[in-house]
Amino acid sequence: MTHFTSRPVNAQELYNLRHAQLCNVVECIIGVLKRRFRILILPPEYAMDVQACIPAALACMHNIIHTWDPVELEDIETGAVPSPQTSGNLSGSIADGVPTNADREWMSAKRDRIAQDMWASYVAERARRGDPVAF
């Protein structure tokens, strides 16, 4: 039986593939948070500005629990206990308002640079493995 896997043939296809994989991981993380914190399932009776902060606060609480009490987060499916997180200095920000045309152009250029860098890395890794990219 021949197994055929379709590989990306350009930077945009690779970017889209990786983006889809990332979306799957994010959806899984949101599922973990929803199972742990039921407030994410039912609409809370708070002002919208407060509601907007709840997911990030709960993700922070989840990470604190994960770091300081990993036994509490034992994987239900495998029974494995995760190791405490050792990475620090993780931060992010929430966007303010609707993006402007300049914001969109900047992000589009940034996304294109990311896609090109990913493609260059992908091609180099395929060549290193002796499996050159066919166009």
C-alpha atoms as a PDB file:
ATOM      1  CA  MET A   1       0.000   0.000   0.000  1.00  0.00           C
ATOM      2  CA  THR A   2       1.442   3.339  -1.011  1.00  0.00           C
ATOM      3  CA  HIS A   3       1.075   6.121   1.499  1.00  0.00           C
ATOM      4  CA  PHE A   4       1.027   9.551  -0.070  1.00  0.00           C
ATOM      5  CA  THR A   5       1.470  12.675   1.999  1.00  0.00           C
ATOM      6  CA  SER A   6       1.050  16.030   0.434  1.00  0.00           C
ATOM      7  CA  ARG A   7       3.867  18.366   1.356  1.00  0.00           C
ATOM      8  CA  PRO A   8       3.719  22.130   1.063  1.00  0.00           C
ATOM      9  CA  VAL A   9       5.166  23.397  -2.212  1.00  0.00           C
ATOM     10  CA  ASN A  10       5.653  27.056  -1.289  1.00  0.00           C
ATOM     11  CA  ALA A  11       5.975  29.409   1.650  1.00  0.00           C
ATOM     12  CA  GLN A  12       2.259  30.212   1.771  1.00  0.00           C
ATOM     13  CA  GLU A  13       1.223  26.555   1.929  1.00  0.00           C
ATOM     14  CA  LEU A  14       3.751  25.863   4.696  1.00  0.00           C
ATOM     15  CA  TYR A  15       2.590  28.908   6.630  1.00  0.00           C
ATOM     16  CA  ASN A  16      -1.061  27.848   6.270  1.00  0.00           C
ATOM     17  CA  LEU A  17      -0.224  24.301   7.411  1.00  0.00           C
ATOM     18  CA  ARG A  18       1.652  25.508  10.490  1.00  0.00           C
ATOM     19  CA  HIS A  19      -1.086  28.049  11.219  1.00  0.00           C
ATOM     20  CA  ALA A  20      -3.739  25.313  11.114  1.00  0.00           C
ATOM     21  CA  GLN A  21      -1.630  23.148  13.437  1.00  0.00           C
ATOM     22  CA  LEU A  22      -1.267  26.064  15.846  1.00  0.00           C
ATOM     23  CA  CYS A  23      -5.042  26.651  15.777  1.00  0.00           C
ATOM     24  CA  ASN A  24      -5.556  23.016  16.794  1.00  0.00           C
ATOM     25  CA  VAL A  25      -3.198  23.433  19.755  1.00  0.00           C
ATOM     26  CA  VAL A  26      -4.907  26.655  20.840  1.00  0.00           C
ATOM     27  CA  GLU A  27      -8.329  24.979  20.643  1.00  0.00           C
ATOM     28  CA  CYS A  28      -6.998  22.146  22.803  1.00  0.00           C
ATOM     29  CA  ILE A  29      -5.684  24.631  25.373  1.00  0.00           C
ATOM     30  CA  ILE A  30      -9.028  26.425  25.450  1.00  0.00           C
ATOM     31  CA  GLY A  31     -10.710  23.053  26.015  1.00  0.00           C
ATOM     32  CA  VAL A  32      -8.424  22.384  28.988  1.00  0.00           C
ATOM     33  CA  LEU A  33      -9.290  25.777  30.464  1.00  0.00           C
ATOM     34  CA  LYS A  34     -13.035  25.249  29.898  1.00  0.00           C
ATOM     35  CA  ARG A  35     -12.929  21.886  31.680  1.00  0.00           C
ATOM     36  CA  ARG A  36     -11.029  23.387  34.611  1.00  0.00           C
ATOM     37  CA  PHE A  37     -12.861  26.712  34.897  1.00  0.00           C
ATOM     38  CA  ARG A  38     -16.586  26.351  34.223  1.00  0.00           C
ATOM     39  CA  ILE A  39     -17.027  30.141  34.182  1.00  0.00           C
ATOM     40  CA  LEU A  40     -15.725  30.013  30.606  1.00  0.00           C
ATOM     41  CA  ILE A  41     -18.726  27.932  29.523  1.00  0.00           C
ATOM     42  CA  LEU A  42     -21.531  30.058  30.954  1.00  0.00           C
ATOM     43  CA  PRO A  43     -21.655  33.790  30.236  1.00  0.00           C
ATOM     44  CA  PRO A  44     -20.713  35.590  33.454  1.00  0.00           C
ATOM     45  CA  GLU A  45     -22.668  38.601  34.679  1.00  0.00           C
ATOM     46  CA  TYR A  46     -19.788  41.055  34.581  1.00  0.00           C
ATOM     47  CA  ALA A  47     -19.110  44.128  32.494  1.00  0.00           C
ATOM     48  CA  MET A  48     -17.522  43.382  29.120  1.00  0.00           C
ATOM     49  CA  ASP A  49     -14.179  44.951  30.126  1.00  0.00           C
ATOM     50  CA  VAL A  50     -14.037  42.527  33.082  1.00  0.00           C
ATOM     51  CA  GLN A  51     -15.135  39.559  30.942  1.00  0.00           C
ATOM     52  CA  ALA A  52     -12.309  40.316  28.505  1.00  0.00           C
ATOM     53  CA  CYS A  53      -9.769  39.801  31.306  1.00  0.00           C
ATOM     54  CA  ILE A  54     -11.172  36.519  32.644  1.00  0.00           C
ATOM     55  CA  PRO A  55      -9.602  34.043  30.117  1.00  0.00           C
ATOM     56  CA  ALA A  56      -6.112  35.493  30.531  1.00  0.00           C
ATOM     57  CA  ALA A  57      -6.455  35.512  34.329  1.00  0.00           C
ATOM     58  CA  LEU A  58      -7.631  31.897  34.343  1.00  0.00           C
ATOM     59  CA  ALA A  59      -4.801  30.850  32.021  1.00  0.00           C
ATOM     60  CA  CYS A  60      -2.405  32.503  34.476  1.00  0.00           C
ATOM     61  CA  MET A  61      -4.018  30.649  37.388  1.00  0.00           C
ATOM     62  CA  HIS A  62      -3.773  27.383  35.448  1.00  0.00           C
ATOM     63  CA  ASN A  63      -0.056  27.986  34.855  1.00  0.00           C
ATOM     64  CA  ILE A  64       0.529  28.814  38.523  1.00  0.00           C
ATOM     65  CA  ILE A  65      -1.225  25.610  39.573  1.00  0.00           C
ATOM     66  CA  HIS A  66       0.761  23.700  36.948  1.00  0.00           C
ATOM     67  CA  THR A  67       4.023  25.141  38.246  1.00  0.00           C
ATOM     68  CA  TRP A  68       3.432  24.781  41.974  1.00  0.00           C
ATOM     69  CA  ASP A  69       1.176  21.717  42.146  1.00  0.00           C
ATOM     70  CA  PRO A  70       1.793  19.542  39.074  1.00  0.00           C
ATOM     71  CA  VAL A  71       0.244  16.490  40.761  1.00  0.00           C
ATOM     72  CA  GLU A  72      -3.075  18.323  40.802  1.00  0.00           C
ATOM     73  CA  LEU A  73      -2.906  18.443  36.992  1.00  0.00           C
ATOM     74  CA  GLU A  74      -2.304  14.745  36.437  1.00  0.00           C
ATOM     75  CA  ASP A  75      -3.167  13.845  32.854  1.00  0.00           C
ATOM     76  CA  ILE A  76      -6.480  12.014  33.016  1.00  0.00           C
ATOM     77  CA  GLU A  77      -5.856  10.000  29.839  1.00  0.00           C
ATOM     78  CA  THR A  78      -2.297   8.830  30.487  1.00  0.00           C
ATOM     79  CA  GLY A  79      -1.936   9.262  34.224  1.00  0.00           C
ATOM     80  CA  ALA A  80       1.302  11.141  33.572  1.00  0.00           C
ATOM     81  CA  VAL A  81       2.254  13.987  35.873  1.00  0.00           C
ATOM     82  CA  PRO A  82       3.609  16.997  33.988  1.00  0.00           C
ATOM     83  CA  SER A  83       6.906  18.474  35.107  1.00  0.00           C
ATOM     84  CA  PRO A  84       6.876  22.011  36.525  1.00  0.00           C
ATOM     85  CA  GLN A  85       7.383  24.751  33.967  1.00  0.00           C
ATOM     86  CA  THR A  86      10.838  26.213  34.038  1.00  0.00           C
ATOM     87  CA  SER A  87      10.497  28.860  31.364  1.00  0.00           C
ATOM     88  CA  GLY A  88      10.152  32.386  32.630  1.00  0.00           C
ATOM     89  CA  ASN A  89       9.679  35.859  31.266  1.00  0.00           C
ATOM     90  CA  LEU A  90       6.614  34.989  29.216  1.00  0.00           C
ATOM     91  CA  SER A  91       4.400  37.981  28.549  1.00  0.00           C
ATOM     92  CA  GLY A  92       1.910  39.275  26.032  1.00  0.00           C
ATOM     93  CA  SER A  93      -0.533  42.056  25.428  1.00  0.00           C
ATOM     94  CA  ILE A  94      -4.102  42.495  24.319  1.00  0.00           C
ATOM     95  CA  ALA A  95      -4.692  44.701  21.278  1.00  0.00           C
ATOM     96  CA  ASP A  96      -6.408  48.029  21.803  1.00  0.00           C
ATOM     97  CA  GLY A  97      -9.181  48.783  19.345  1.00  0.00           C
ATOM     98  CA  VAL A  98      -9.644  47.958  15.689  1.00  0.00           C
ATOM     99  CA  PRO A  99      -6.439  47.686  13.620  1.00  0.00           C
ATOM    100  CA  THR A 100      -5.731  50.520  11.191  1.00  0.00           C
ATOM    101  CA  ASN A 101      -4.736  50.056   7.543  1.00  0.00           C
ATOM    102  CA  ALA A 102      -1.129  50.734   8.566  1.00  0.00           C
ATOM    103  CA  ASP A 103      -1.415  48.012  11.232  1.00  0.00           C
ATOM    104  CA  ARG A 104      -2.783  45.573   8.656  1.00  0.00           C
ATOM    105  CA  GLU A 105      -0.006  46.367   6.157  1.00  0.00           C
ATOM    106  CA  TRP A 106       2.648  45.981   8.856  1.00  0.00           C
ATOM    107  CA  MET A 107       1.191  42.640   9.973  1.00  0.00           C
ATOM    108  CA  SER A 108       0.875  41.416   6.393  1.00  0.00           C
ATOM    109  CA  ALA A 109       4.542  42.219   5.754  1.00  0.00           C
ATOM    110  CA  LYS A 110       5.507  40.549   9.032  1.00  0.00           C
ATOM    111  CA  ARG A 111       3.450  37.449   8.168  1.00  0.00           C
ATOM    112  CA  ASP A 112       5.147  37.279   4.752  1.00  0.00           C
ATOM    113  CA  ARG A 113       8.598  37.514   6.384  1.00  0.00           C
ATOM    114  CA  ILE A 114       7.655  34.752   8.829  1.00  0.00           C
ATOM    115  CA  ALA A 115       6.382  32.572   5.958  1.00  0.00           C
ATOM    116  CA  GLN A 116       9.591  33.126   3.959  1.00  0.00           C
ATOM    117  CA  ASP A 117      11.775  32.354   6.990  1.00  0.00           C
ATOM    118  CA  MET A 118       9.764  29.206   7.701  1.00  0.00           C
ATOM    119  CA  TRP A 119      10.080  28.146   4.065  1.00  0.00           C
ATOM    120  CA  ALA A 120      13.850  28.717   4.042  1.00  0.00           C
ATOM    121  CA  SER A 121      14.192  26.642   7.218  1.00  0.00           C
ATOM    122  CA  TYR A 122      11.918  23.921   5.802  1.00  0.00           C
ATOM    123  CA  VAL A 123      13.882  23.711   2.521  1.00  0.00           C
ATOM    124  CA  ALA A 124      17.198  23.627   4.405  1.00  0.00           C
ATOM    125  CA  GLU A 125      15.972  20.836   6.704  1.00  0.00           C
ATOM    126  CA  ARG A 126      14.659  18.791   3.781  1.00  0.00           C
ATOM    127  CA  ALA A 127      18.015  19.206   2.000  1.00  0.00           C
ATOM    128  CA  ARG A 128      19.887  18.235   5.171  1.00  0.00           C
ATOM    129  CA  ARG A 129      17.832  15.039   5.272  1.00  0.00           C
ATOM    130  CA  GLY A 130      18.614  14.339   1.604  1.00  0.00           C
ATOM    131  CA  ASP A 131      15.011  14.938   0.563  1.00  0.00           C
ATOM    132  CA  PRO A 132      15.072  18.053  -1.628  1.00  0.00           C
ATOM    133  CA  VAL A 133      11.894  20.013  -2.152  1.00  0.00           C
ATOM    134  CA  ALA A 134      10.316  19.301  -5.547  1.00  0.00           C
ATOM    135  CA  PHE A 135       8.419  22.133  -7.168  1.00  0.00           C
END
